[in-house]
Amino acid sequence: MFRLANFMTMIIGTERFVEAVRRLGYEQDIAFRELPAR
């Protein structure tokens, strides 16, 4: 998981991180968007 300095509210995480957040019930507090990868 990385937190970008220029985007204080943007957290970049893996698919596994997203699944864990959903399992813990925090999904309503966080919006997820997929980023394109090379």
Protein backbone atom coordinates (compact mmCIF):
# COMPACT_ATOMS: atom_id res chain seq x y z
CA MET A 1 0.00 0.00 0.00
CA PHE A 2 1.32 3.42 -0.94
CA ARG A 3 0.12 6.87 0.03
CA LEU A 4 0.97 9.61 -2.46
CA ALA A 5 2.30 12.87 -1.00
CA ASN A 6 0.45 15.07 -3.52
CA PHE A 7 -2.86 13.28 -2.97
CA MET A 8 -3.46 13.16 0.78
CA THR A 9 -6.75 11.32 0.37
CA MET A 10 -5.64 8.82 -2.29
CA ILE A 11 -4.47 5.42 -1.12
CA ILE A 12 -3.16 2.96 -3.70
CA GLY A 13 -3.55 -0.67 -2.66
CA THR A 14 -3.64 -4.13 -4.15
CA GLU A 15 -6.73 -6.17 -4.97
CA ARG A 16 -6.05 -8.13 -1.79
CA PHE A 17 -6.19 -4.88 0.23
CA VAL A 18 -9.57 -4.02 -1.34
CA GLU A 19 -10.93 -7.46 -0.45
CA ALA A 20 -9.76 -7.07 3.16
CA VAL A 21 -11.40 -3.65 3.47
CA ARG A 22 -14.66 -5.07 2.13
CA ARG A 23 -14.51 -8.03 4.53
CA LEU A 24 -13.98 -5.68 7.47
CA GLY A 25 -16.97 -3.55 6.45
CA TYR A 26 -15.16 -0.28 5.69
CA GLU A 27 -16.32 -0.18 2.07
CA GLN A 28 -18.92 2.53 2.78
CA ASP A 29 -16.13 4.91 3.89
CA ILE A 30 -13.79 4.32 0.94
CA ALA A 31 -14.39 4.60 -2.82
CA PHE A 32 -12.40 2.12 -4.94
CA ARG A 33 -11.29 2.68 -8.54
CA GLU A 34 -9.12 0.44 -10.63
CA LEU A 35 -5.96 2.03 -12.00
CA PRO A 36 -4.51 0.97 -15.36
CA ALA A 37 -1.21 -0.87 -15.06
CA ARG A 38 1.46 -1.44 -17.67
